[in-house]
Amino acid sequence: MTKDVFLKKLGKNIARLREKAGLSQTDLALRCDKDKQSLNRLEKGRINPSAFYLSEIAAELRIPLKELFDFE
């Protein structure tokens, strides 16, 4: 799997999990102390997030970090 494909799958999974939690991009971004544009780029697979950023997202979604990578 290429980096681009991986980041797009990761982003789609984050968007799916966010929607499942009933949160908008703005809601989740604010909870993670990020801006909406950053979260939008992440969900579109346009940025390579840090491990800490991903841990913040998992914590706010109240899921284990490994669930963000459950897209295979």
Protein backbone atom coordinates (compact mmCIF):
# COMPACT_ATOMS: atom_id res chain seq x y z
CA MET A 1 0.00 0.00 0.00
CA THR A 2 1.37 3.40 -0.91
CA LYS A 3 1.57 6.30 1.51
CA ASP A 4 -1.15 8.19 -0.39
CA VAL A 5 -3.54 5.24 -0.30
CA PHE A 6 -2.84 4.67 3.39
CA LEU A 7 -3.50 8.32 4.30
CA LYS A 8 -6.75 8.39 2.30
CA LYS A 9 -8.00 5.21 3.99
CA LEU A 10 -7.01 6.56 7.40
CA GLY A 11 -8.82 9.82 6.69
CA LYS A 12 -11.98 8.11 5.52
CA ASN A 13 -11.99 5.94 8.62
CA ILE A 14 -11.56 8.93 10.90
CA ALA A 15 -14.46 10.68 9.15
CA ARG A 16 -16.62 7.56 9.53
CA LEU A 17 -15.80 7.24 13.22
CA ARG A 18 -16.39 10.96 13.79
CA GLU A 19 -19.80 10.78 12.13
CA LYS A 20 -20.64 7.64 14.11
CA ALA A 21 -19.88 9.63 17.28
CA GLY A 22 -22.27 12.34 16.10
CA LEU A 23 -19.60 15.02 15.82
CA SER A 24 -19.06 17.60 13.10
CA GLN A 25 -15.56 18.38 11.86
CA THR A 26 -15.73 21.65 13.78
CA ASP A 27 -16.72 19.89 17.01
CA LEU A 28 -13.91 17.35 16.82
CA ALA A 29 -11.34 19.94 15.74
CA LEU A 30 -12.20 22.19 18.68
CA ARG A 31 -12.00 19.29 21.13
CA CYS A 32 -8.52 18.46 19.79
CA ASP A 33 -7.44 22.13 19.81
CA LYS A 34 -7.04 22.11 16.02
CA ASP A 35 -8.72 24.13 13.31
CA LYS A 36 -11.41 22.68 11.06
CA GLN A 37 -9.19 23.01 7.99
CA SER A 38 -6.56 20.79 9.59
CA LEU A 39 -9.11 18.08 10.35
CA ASN A 40 -10.58 18.42 6.86
CA ARG A 41 -7.14 17.89 5.29
CA LEU A 42 -6.61 14.88 7.56
CA GLU A 43 -9.92 13.31 6.56
CA LYS A 44 -9.13 13.88 2.87
CA GLY A 45 -5.74 12.16 3.26
CA ARG A 46 -3.80 15.33 2.45
CA ILE A 47 -1.63 15.44 5.59
CA ASN A 48 0.44 12.90 7.47
CA PRO A 49 -0.65 13.43 11.09
CA SER A 50 1.59 12.99 14.08
CA ALA A 51 1.02 10.10 16.44
CA PHE A 52 0.01 12.62 19.11
CA TYR A 53 -2.63 14.18 16.83
CA LEU A 54 -4.08 10.71 16.21
CA SER A 55 -4.05 9.93 19.93
CA GLU A 56 -5.98 13.15 20.59
CA ILE A 57 -8.59 12.17 18.00
CA ALA A 58 -8.96 8.67 19.45
CA ALA A 59 -9.31 10.09 22.96
CA GLU A 60 -12.01 12.55 21.90
CA LEU A 61 -13.87 9.81 20.00
CA ARG A 62 -13.48 7.57 23.09
CA ILE A 63 -12.01 4.72 21.09
CA PRO A 64 -8.73 2.81 21.24
CA LEU A 65 -6.05 4.37 19.04
CA LYS A 66 -5.74 1.15 17.04
CA GLU A 67 -9.36 1.52 15.87
CA LEU A 68 -8.31 4.48 13.70
CA PHE A 69 -6.25 2.00 11.67
CA ASP A 70 -8.97 -0.65 11.33
CA PHE A 71 -9.67 -0.06 7.66
CA GLU A 72 -8.20 -3.07 5.91
